[in-house]
Amino acid sequence: MNQLLIPGQYDDIKTVKKKLGNIDYNYPTDYPLIYSATIPVISTSSLNSYLVNKAYPQKIDSTDIKKGFYLKEMDERMYNNILEFIKEEQKKQVK
């Protein structure tokens, strides 16, 4: 009942800066959700969906985000980099 009357307070989510192709993004390190992380942010579930689809978003023009995005096919090196990153982050979250 208290939660309804006085909502819980959440700390800011800690992130690390990462790069995926030509997109710099923040990745939450201690929490799987991204509700208060600094934009642009990518969650583990987004990274997993990139692995499943073997494609990831890229800016059409790396200097102008207004031009939009396209999906770039993932090569084996990128696939392994993302997979290793996810594994390492999951190990950290278990500790």
Protein backbone atom coordinates (compact mmCIF):
# COMPACT_ATOMS: atom_id res chain seq x y z
CA MET A 1 0.00 0.00 0.00
CA ASN A 2 2.87 2.38 0.76
CA GLN A 3 4.14 2.02 -2.80
CA LEU A 4 0.83 3.36 -4.12
CA LEU A 5 0.89 6.41 -1.88
CA ILE A 6 4.61 7.14 -1.97
CA PRO A 7 6.32 5.82 -5.13
CA GLY A 8 9.72 4.19 -4.70
CA GLN A 9 12.84 6.17 -5.51
CA TYR A 10 15.32 4.76 -7.97
CA ASP A 11 18.95 5.74 -8.29
CA ASP A 12 20.37 6.86 -11.60
CA ILE A 13 21.45 3.95 -13.74
CA LYS A 14 25.21 3.63 -14.23
CA THR A 15 26.25 3.23 -17.84
CA VAL A 16 29.38 2.71 -19.90
CA LYS A 17 29.95 4.28 -23.29
CA LYS A 18 30.21 1.81 -26.17
CA LYS A 19 30.33 2.04 -29.94
CA LEU A 20 28.38 -0.09 -32.41
CA GLY A 21 29.50 0.75 -35.92
CA ASN A 22 28.95 4.50 -36.29
CA ILE A 23 26.64 4.85 -33.25
CA ASP A 24 27.95 5.80 -29.81
CA TYR A 25 25.59 4.62 -27.09
CA ASN A 26 25.31 4.06 -23.35
CA TYR A 27 24.94 0.58 -21.89
CA PRO A 28 23.46 0.06 -18.39
CA THR A 29 25.96 -1.82 -16.20
CA ASP A 30 24.07 -2.63 -13.00
CA TYR A 31 20.47 -2.84 -14.12
CA PRO A 32 18.78 -4.52 -17.09
CA LEU A 33 16.25 -1.73 -17.71
CA ILE A 34 17.09 1.57 -19.34
CA TYR A 35 14.35 3.89 -18.04
CA SER A 36 16.61 6.66 -16.72
CA ALA A 37 19.85 6.06 -18.61
CA THR A 38 21.26 8.83 -20.75
CA ILE A 39 20.08 8.64 -24.37
CA PRO A 40 21.12 7.03 -26.69
CA VAL A 41 21.04 3.79 -24.75
CA ILE A 42 20.92 0.13 -25.81
CA SER A 43 19.79 -2.67 -23.52
CA THR A 44 20.95 -6.27 -23.44
CA SER A 45 17.68 -7.35 -25.05
CA SER A 46 18.34 -5.00 -27.98
CA LEU A 47 21.82 -6.40 -28.43
CA ASN A 48 20.38 -9.93 -28.33
CA SER A 49 17.85 -9.03 -31.03
CA TYR A 50 20.69 -7.74 -33.21
CA LEU A 51 22.41 -11.12 -32.79
CA VAL A 52 19.23 -13.02 -33.68
CA ASN A 53 18.66 -10.91 -36.81
CA LYS A 54 22.38 -10.71 -37.64
CA ALA A 55 21.93 -7.00 -38.35
CA TYR A 56 22.29 -3.78 -36.39
CA PRO A 57 21.21 -0.16 -36.91
CA GLN A 58 23.58 2.39 -38.41
CA LYS A 59 23.21 6.07 -39.18
CA ILE A 60 22.73 6.79 -42.88
CA ASP A 61 24.89 9.90 -42.47
CA SER A 62 27.24 9.71 -39.48
CA THR A 63 27.17 13.52 -39.13
CA ASP A 64 23.38 14.05 -39.38
CA ILE A 65 21.07 11.82 -37.33
CA LYS A 66 18.00 13.42 -38.96
CA LYS A 67 18.73 11.48 -42.15
CA GLY A 68 17.76 8.28 -40.34
CA PHE A 69 19.04 4.75 -39.96
CA TYR A 70 19.40 1.52 -41.89
CA LEU A 71 20.11 -2.07 -40.85
CA LYS A 72 23.60 -3.25 -41.64
CA GLU A 73 24.27 -6.97 -42.04
CA MET A 74 26.51 -8.26 -39.28
CA ASP A 75 29.78 -9.94 -40.14
CA GLU A 76 31.23 -12.73 -37.99
CA ARG A 77 33.67 -10.40 -36.21
CA MET A 78 30.91 -7.99 -35.13
CA TYR A 79 28.71 -10.93 -34.09
CA ASN A 80 31.47 -12.35 -31.87
CA ASN A 81 32.29 -8.92 -30.39
CA ILE A 82 28.68 -8.33 -29.34
CA LEU A 83 28.32 -11.89 -28.03
CA GLU A 84 31.49 -11.60 -25.92
CA PHE A 85 30.43 -8.20 -24.59
CA ILE A 86 27.03 -9.57 -23.49
CA LYS A 87 28.68 -12.57 -21.80
CA GLU A 88 31.11 -10.34 -19.90
CA GLU A 89 28.35 -7.99 -18.75
CA GLN A 90 26.20 -10.91 -17.58
CA LYS A 91 29.12 -12.26 -15.52
CA LYS A 92 29.46 -8.85 -13.84
CA GLN A 93 25.73 -8.67 -13.04
CA VAL A 94 25.79 -12.12 -11.36
CA LYS A 95 28.47 -11.02 -8.89
